[in-house]
């Protein structure tokens, strides 16, 4: 049996409890108590969440847990000496330690993330980098596993991390069944972008927005700075400066992100070959597309396609179990 300690503190986010629900459903799927969850806090007793709901907790002691998950909350500066001591104890005695969203700040304060890759909600990534320069922050990730330490983006990413833990403990079939019960994707890949490339850019002027819209509709084009500058009615030099100032990215980097996002959607749908997709989104060849995927998502296109296949297979598996299967071949 896996003992899980779920650490809360005043004003923690209730969304973190979604992970507890995933472990609860894993017990139902396995028809045994595979996971036992204990809610912990520094003082014990009732602890109020940010929504005002109170939960009962046990006080920190020397108990050993297989997994310790630290909640996230409104504040990013709440690491008391007792909490830091508990984190260090968990690092020495637990198989894995995890924190979604702003919980990464608590781990970082204890030194648990020094020299490690980690992620957090994209809104807090810059702050995490600034305050803890020894942490290799990767803001464009759903979750990251570095040794025994797990971190995830905010809110719903807590579920992605919990499903990944269940898969590691009990296999893909159990994790997939839990995901179906939760009515979520089996598992978004850890390296999947937290937000869309178009929303990330958010230009301030109509000229730059026009160029971005043009690029997104003409991904097969070369999309040179000269081509985009003409659309924006600016000189290439003016365009590059304005684009970077308004979006925080160079035109080349932004175009690569748009192409990766378009390719990812096509891969998840599974209707076209790698070569066709690479050509359609402007990468020209699959090797160039692979390098862009690794840079942007931290994984190759094949991994994205595999996740898409599993997501499409889930309804068919459910239909089979209901006796109403409509067997259709999966795309290759």
Foldseek 3Di string as FASTA:
>chain_A
DFEEEEEDAAAFAPLLCVLVVLQVVLCVVVVHNPYDYAYEYQVFQWHAHNVRDIDGHGHDDLDAGQEYEYTHGDDLPDADPSNLVSLVSNVVRYQAYEYAASVVSNCLVSVNQQCHEWEHALVCQVVCCVVRVRHNYDHFWQWDDDRRYIYGYDRPSSLQVSLVVCCVVPNQVSLQVSCVVVVHQSHDDGLHGPDALLVQQQFDDPLLVQLLVVCLVPQLDPSDLCVSCVSSVHHSVVSQVRSCVGRVDGPVLSLLRSLLVQLLVVLLQQPDDLCVSCNVRHVNGNVSSQVSCCVRRVGGSVVSNVSSQSRVCSVQVVCVVVVNHDDDDGHD
